[in-house]
Amino acid sequence: MELLQTVLYQIVEISILVFEYIGVAVILLSGIKGIVNYVRRSPSTRLDLAKGLAMGLEFKLGSEILRTVVVREMQELIFVAGIIALRAVLTILIHWEIKNEE
């Protein structure tokens, strides 16, 4: 049983890192694309940037949800829940901005 817990913990930790890195990469690439579109004066700059930020936040939100699997104390759970709530609110606001922009 101890071995299964250790394996699960390792898989979750690696998955969290992968989701975090993908989220950061998506946000970074969207930011670079946004700068390029801004310089070119593209009319869809805000919309493209908002979509990229929303996608990056979705990956980062997924990593936080995975993090709840390995939480051991109530204080950690409250902290993770706060992060999830904050990222969810940001995602909702960005999706609202996208709908208004379209």
C-alpha atoms as a PDB file:
ATOM      1  CA  MET A   1       0.000   0.000   0.000  1.00  0.00           C
ATOM      2  CA  GLU A   2       2.874   2.349   0.825  1.00  0.00           C
ATOM      3  CA  LEU A   3       4.384   1.699  -2.609  1.00  0.00           C
ATOM      4  CA  LEU A   4       1.124   2.614  -4.369  1.00  0.00           C
ATOM      5  CA  GLN A   5       0.885   5.846  -2.392  1.00  0.00           C
ATOM      6  CA  THR A   6       4.452   6.744  -3.313  1.00  0.00           C
ATOM      7  CA  VAL A   7       3.851   5.987  -6.995  1.00  0.00           C
ATOM      8  CA  LEU A   8       0.630   8.031  -6.993  1.00  0.00           C
ATOM      9  CA  TYR A   9       2.391  10.915  -5.274  1.00  0.00           C
ATOM     10  CA  GLN A  10       5.217  10.880  -7.850  1.00  0.00           C
ATOM     11  CA  ILE A  11       2.799  10.717 -10.802  1.00  0.00           C
ATOM     12  CA  VAL A  12       0.753  13.599  -9.425  1.00  0.00           C
ATOM     13  CA  GLU A  13       3.852  15.716  -8.727  1.00  0.00           C
ATOM     14  CA  ILE A  14       5.170  15.184 -12.262  1.00  0.00           C
ATOM     15  CA  SER A  15       1.723  15.927 -13.730  1.00  0.00           C
ATOM     16  CA  ILE A  16       1.485  19.137 -11.702  1.00  0.00           C
ATOM     17  CA  LEU A  17       4.841  20.297 -13.059  1.00  0.00           C
ATOM     18  CA  VAL A  18       3.874  19.425 -16.631  1.00  0.00           C
ATOM     19  CA  PHE A  19       0.594  21.348 -16.377  1.00  0.00           C
ATOM     20  CA  GLU A  20       2.340  24.323 -14.741  1.00  0.00           C
ATOM     21  CA  TYR A  21       5.019  24.462 -17.450  1.00  0.00           C
ATOM     22  CA  ILE A  22       2.464  24.134 -20.250  1.00  0.00           C
ATOM     23  CA  GLY A  23       0.390  26.931 -18.686  1.00  0.00           C
ATOM     24  CA  VAL A  24       3.414  29.208 -18.378  1.00  0.00           C
ATOM     25  CA  ALA A  25       4.480  28.421 -21.957  1.00  0.00           C
ATOM     26  CA  VAL A  26       1.004  29.187 -23.330  1.00  0.00           C
ATOM     27  CA  ILE A  27       0.840  32.481 -21.420  1.00  0.00           C
ATOM     28  CA  LEU A  28       4.367  33.440 -22.494  1.00  0.00           C
ATOM     29  CA  LEU A  29       3.742  32.617 -26.154  1.00  0.00           C
ATOM     30  CA  SER A  30       0.416  34.461 -26.080  1.00  0.00           C
ATOM     31  CA  GLY A  31       2.143  37.497 -24.591  1.00  0.00           C
ATOM     32  CA  ILE A  32       4.814  37.468 -27.290  1.00  0.00           C
ATOM     33  CA  LYS A  33       2.161  37.041 -29.983  1.00  0.00           C
ATOM     34  CA  GLY A  34       0.206  39.889 -28.383  1.00  0.00           C
ATOM     35  CA  ILE A  35       3.223  42.189 -28.536  1.00  0.00           C
ATOM     36  CA  VAL A  36       3.817  41.326 -32.189  1.00  0.00           C
ATOM     37  CA  ASN A  37       0.147  41.881 -33.042  1.00  0.00           C
ATOM     38  CA  TYR A  38       0.162  45.170 -31.119  1.00  0.00           C
ATOM     39  CA  VAL A  39       3.159  46.418 -33.093  1.00  0.00           C
ATOM     40  CA  ARG A  40       1.429  45.373 -36.329  1.00  0.00           C
ATOM     41  CA  ARG A  41      -1.749  47.137 -35.101  1.00  0.00           C
ATOM     42  CA  SER A  42      -3.852  44.023 -35.580  1.00  0.00           C
ATOM     43  CA  PRO A  43      -7.494  44.583 -34.572  1.00  0.00           C
ATOM     44  CA  SER A  44      -7.705  41.151 -32.941  1.00  0.00           C
ATOM     45  CA  THR A  45      -4.804  41.730 -30.524  1.00  0.00           C
ATOM     46  CA  ARG A  46      -6.903  41.932 -27.356  1.00  0.00           C
ATOM     47  CA  LEU A  47      -9.036  38.960 -28.312  1.00  0.00           C
ATOM     48  CA  ASP A  48      -6.057  36.740 -29.174  1.00  0.00           C
ATOM     49  CA  LEU A  49      -4.248  37.726 -25.998  1.00  0.00           C
ATOM     50  CA  ALA A  50      -7.312  37.080 -23.840  1.00  0.00           C
ATOM     51  CA  LYS A  51      -7.829  33.654 -25.416  1.00  0.00           C
ATOM     52  CA  GLY A  52      -4.188  32.742 -24.801  1.00  0.00           C
ATOM     53  CA  LEU A  53      -4.334  33.902 -21.197  1.00  0.00           C
ATOM     54  CA  ALA A  54      -7.542  31.943 -20.633  1.00  0.00           C
ATOM     55  CA  MET A  55      -5.974  28.783 -22.039  1.00  0.00           C
ATOM     56  CA  GLY A  56      -2.849  29.207 -19.923  1.00  0.00           C
ATOM     57  CA  LEU A  57      -4.951  29.745 -16.801  1.00  0.00           C
ATOM     58  CA  GLU A  58      -6.926  26.593 -17.582  1.00  0.00           C
ATOM     59  CA  PHE A  59      -3.713  24.554 -17.512  1.00  0.00           C
ATOM     60  CA  LYS A  60      -2.604  26.195 -14.292  1.00  0.00           C
ATOM     61  CA  LEU A  61      -6.042  25.589 -12.764  1.00  0.00           C
ATOM     62  CA  GLY A  62      -5.722  21.931 -13.733  1.00  0.00           C
ATOM     63  CA  SER A  63      -2.421  21.712 -11.869  1.00  0.00           C
ATOM     64  CA  GLU A  64      -4.022  23.166  -8.750  1.00  0.00           C
ATOM     65  CA  ILE A  65      -6.860  20.660  -8.921  1.00  0.00           C
ATOM     66  CA  LEU A  66      -4.282  17.865  -9.150  1.00  0.00           C
ATOM     67  CA  ARG A  67      -2.510  19.377  -6.162  1.00  0.00           C
ATOM     68  CA  THR A  68      -5.568  18.642  -4.014  1.00  0.00           C
ATOM     69  CA  VAL A  69      -4.806  14.925  -4.411  1.00  0.00           C
ATOM     70  CA  VAL A  70      -1.572  15.201  -2.424  1.00  0.00           C
ATOM     71  CA  VAL A  71      -2.694  17.708   0.217  1.00  0.00           C
ATOM     72  CA  ARG A  72      -2.256  16.280   3.701  1.00  0.00           C
ATOM     73  CA  GLU A  73      -3.302  19.100   6.062  1.00  0.00           C
ATOM     74  CA  MET A  74      -6.378  21.300   6.294  1.00  0.00           C
ATOM     75  CA  GLN A  75      -4.287  24.483   6.109  1.00  0.00           C
ATOM     76  CA  GLU A  76      -2.787  23.336   2.798  1.00  0.00           C
ATOM     77  CA  LEU A  77      -6.257  22.496   1.488  1.00  0.00           C
ATOM     78  CA  ILE A  78      -7.543  25.969   2.371  1.00  0.00           C
ATOM     79  CA  PHE A  79      -4.531  27.538   0.641  1.00  0.00           C
ATOM     80  CA  VAL A  80      -5.020  25.437  -2.512  1.00  0.00           C
ATOM     81  CA  ALA A  81      -8.775  26.164  -2.474  1.00  0.00           C
ATOM     82  CA  GLY A  82      -8.002  29.888  -2.358  1.00  0.00           C
ATOM     83  CA  ILE A  83      -5.675  29.596  -5.343  1.00  0.00           C
ATOM     84  CA  ILE A  84      -8.273  27.581  -7.255  1.00  0.00           C
ATOM     85  CA  ALA A  85     -10.964  30.171  -6.472  1.00  0.00           C
ATOM     86  CA  LEU A  86      -8.722  33.055  -7.561  1.00  0.00           C
ATOM     87  CA  ARG A  87      -7.741  31.377 -10.828  1.00  0.00           C
ATOM     88  CA  ALA A  88     -11.349  30.405 -11.511  1.00  0.00           C
ATOM     89  CA  VAL A  89     -12.458  34.015 -11.037  1.00  0.00           C
ATOM     90  CA  LEU A  90      -9.686  35.214 -13.353  1.00  0.00           C
ATOM     91  CA  THR A  91     -10.715  32.657 -15.962  1.00  0.00           C
ATOM     92  CA  ILE A  92     -14.359  33.726 -15.731  1.00  0.00           C
ATOM     93  CA  LEU A  93     -13.400  37.393 -16.106  1.00  0.00           C
ATOM     94  CA  ILE A  94     -11.222  36.653 -19.118  1.00  0.00           C
ATOM     95  CA  HIS A  95     -13.990  34.601 -20.753  1.00  0.00           C
ATOM     96  CA  TRP A  96     -16.401  37.476 -20.086  1.00  0.00           C
ATOM     97  CA  GLU A  97     -13.928  39.854 -21.733  1.00  0.00           C
ATOM     98  CA  ILE A  98     -13.638  37.508 -24.729  1.00  0.00           C
ATOM     99  CA  LYS A  99     -17.422  37.382 -25.155  1.00  0.00           C
ATOM    100  CA  ASN A 100     -17.652  41.168 -24.973  1.00  0.00           C
ATOM    101  CA  GLU A 101     -14.807  41.581 -27.456  1.00  0.00           C
ATOM    102  CA  GLU A 102     -16.333  39.166 -29.982  1.00  0.00           C
END
